[in-house]
Every structure is written in C-alpha cells, then in structure tokens.
C-alpha cells in the first residue's frame, strides 16, 4: 500500500512541478517539491 502511495505522490509532484514551470507560477512547483520530500520520507520509513 505504501508503494502505491509513494508512486502516486511522485506522479503528482512531477505534474505539479511541470504545471508550475510551464505557467511560470511558483506555488505549484513548491508544492511538488514538498510532495517529493513526503514521498522520500514515506519510502525511508518503510525500510
């Protein structure tokens, strides 16, 4: 289950970073970076 959550967070993060960069607005890009950090924490906690 945590694998699916981690994969979903990474996909959402990539999408948000892409939207933020293409639209040249900062908040979605920062949220995407935050999602990547959360995904890394979930992945590390699983070990």
C-alpha atoms as a PDB file:
ATOM      1  CA  UNK A   1       0.000   0.000   0.000  1.00  0.00           C
ATOM      2  CA  UNK A   2       2.797   2.413   0.838  1.00  0.00           C
ATOM      3  CA  UNK A   3       4.416   1.680  -2.520  1.00  0.00           C
ATOM      4  CA  UNK A   4       1.274   2.890  -4.277  1.00  0.00           C
ATOM      5  CA  UNK A   5       1.156   5.987  -2.096  1.00  0.00           C
ATOM      6  CA  UNK A   6       4.793   6.774  -2.821  1.00  0.00           C
ATOM      7  CA  UNK A   7       4.296   6.316  -6.567  1.00  0.00           C
ATOM      8  CA  UNK A   8       1.150   8.474  -6.508  1.00  0.00           C
ATOM      9  CA  UNK A   9       2.953  11.244  -4.605  1.00  0.00           C
ATOM     10  CA  UNK A  10       5.842  11.237  -7.075  1.00  0.00           C
ATOM     11  CA  UNK A  11       3.495  11.375 -10.081  1.00  0.00           C
ATOM     12  CA  UNK A  12       1.517  14.245  -8.557  1.00  0.00           C
ATOM     13  CA  UNK A  13       4.757  16.027  -7.661  1.00  0.00           C
ATOM     14  CA  UNK A  14       6.090  15.773 -11.210  1.00  0.00           C
ATOM     15  CA  UNK A  15       2.781  17.032 -12.606  1.00  0.00           C
ATOM     16  CA  UNK A  16       2.693  19.982 -10.207  1.00  0.00           C
ATOM     17  CA  UNK A  17       6.301  20.931 -10.919  1.00  0.00           C
ATOM     18  CA  UNK A  18       5.582  20.740 -14.659  1.00  0.00           C
ATOM     19  CA  UNK A  19       2.484  22.932 -14.292  1.00  0.00           C
ATOM     20  CA  UNK A  20       4.361  25.440 -12.149  1.00  0.00           C
ATOM     21  CA  UNK A  21       7.281  25.693 -14.561  1.00  0.00           C
ATOM     22  CA  UNK A  22       5.201  25.926 -17.745  1.00  0.00           C
ATOM     23  CA  UNK A  23       2.798  28.504 -16.283  1.00  0.00           C
ATOM     24  CA  UNK A  24       5.672  30.325 -14.532  1.00  0.00           C
ATOM     25  CA  UNK A  25       3.930  30.316 -11.159  1.00  0.00           C
ATOM     26  CA  UNK A  26       5.795  29.324  -8.028  1.00  0.00           C
ATOM     27  CA  UNK A  27       3.240  27.751  -5.618  1.00  0.00           C
ATOM     28  CA  UNK A  28       2.532  24.551  -7.602  1.00  0.00           C
ATOM     29  CA  UNK A  29       6.259  23.997  -8.129  1.00  0.00           C
ATOM     30  CA  UNK A  30       6.938  24.394  -4.407  1.00  0.00           C
ATOM     31  CA  UNK A  31       4.083  22.034  -3.561  1.00  0.00           C
ATOM     32  CA  UNK A  32       5.530  19.484  -5.991  1.00  0.00           C
ATOM     33  CA  UNK A  33       8.885  19.698  -4.244  1.00  0.00           C
ATOM     34  CA  UNK A  34       7.099  19.190  -0.915  1.00  0.00           C
ATOM     35  CA  UNK A  35       5.375  16.089  -2.283  1.00  0.00           C
ATOM     36  CA  UNK A  36       8.733  14.684  -3.342  1.00  0.00           C
ATOM     37  CA  UNK A  37      10.063  15.229   0.190  1.00  0.00           C
ATOM     38  CA  UNK A  38       7.000  13.487   1.654  1.00  0.00           C
ATOM     39  CA  UNK A  39       7.436  10.580  -0.777  1.00  0.00           C
ATOM     40  CA  UNK A  40      11.078  10.201   0.267  1.00  0.00           C
ATOM     41  CA  UNK A  41      10.059  10.176   3.933  1.00  0.00           C
ATOM     42  CA  UNK A  42       7.404   7.508   3.276  1.00  0.00           C
ATOM     43  CA  UNK A  43       9.925   5.424   1.350  1.00  0.00           C
ATOM     44  CA  UNK A  44      12.561   5.710   4.111  1.00  0.00           C
ATOM     45  CA  UNK A  45      10.034   4.913   6.849  1.00  0.00           C
ATOM     46  CA  UNK A  46       9.124   1.671   5.072  1.00  0.00           C
ATOM     47  CA  UNK A  47      12.642   0.236   5.452  1.00  0.00           C
END
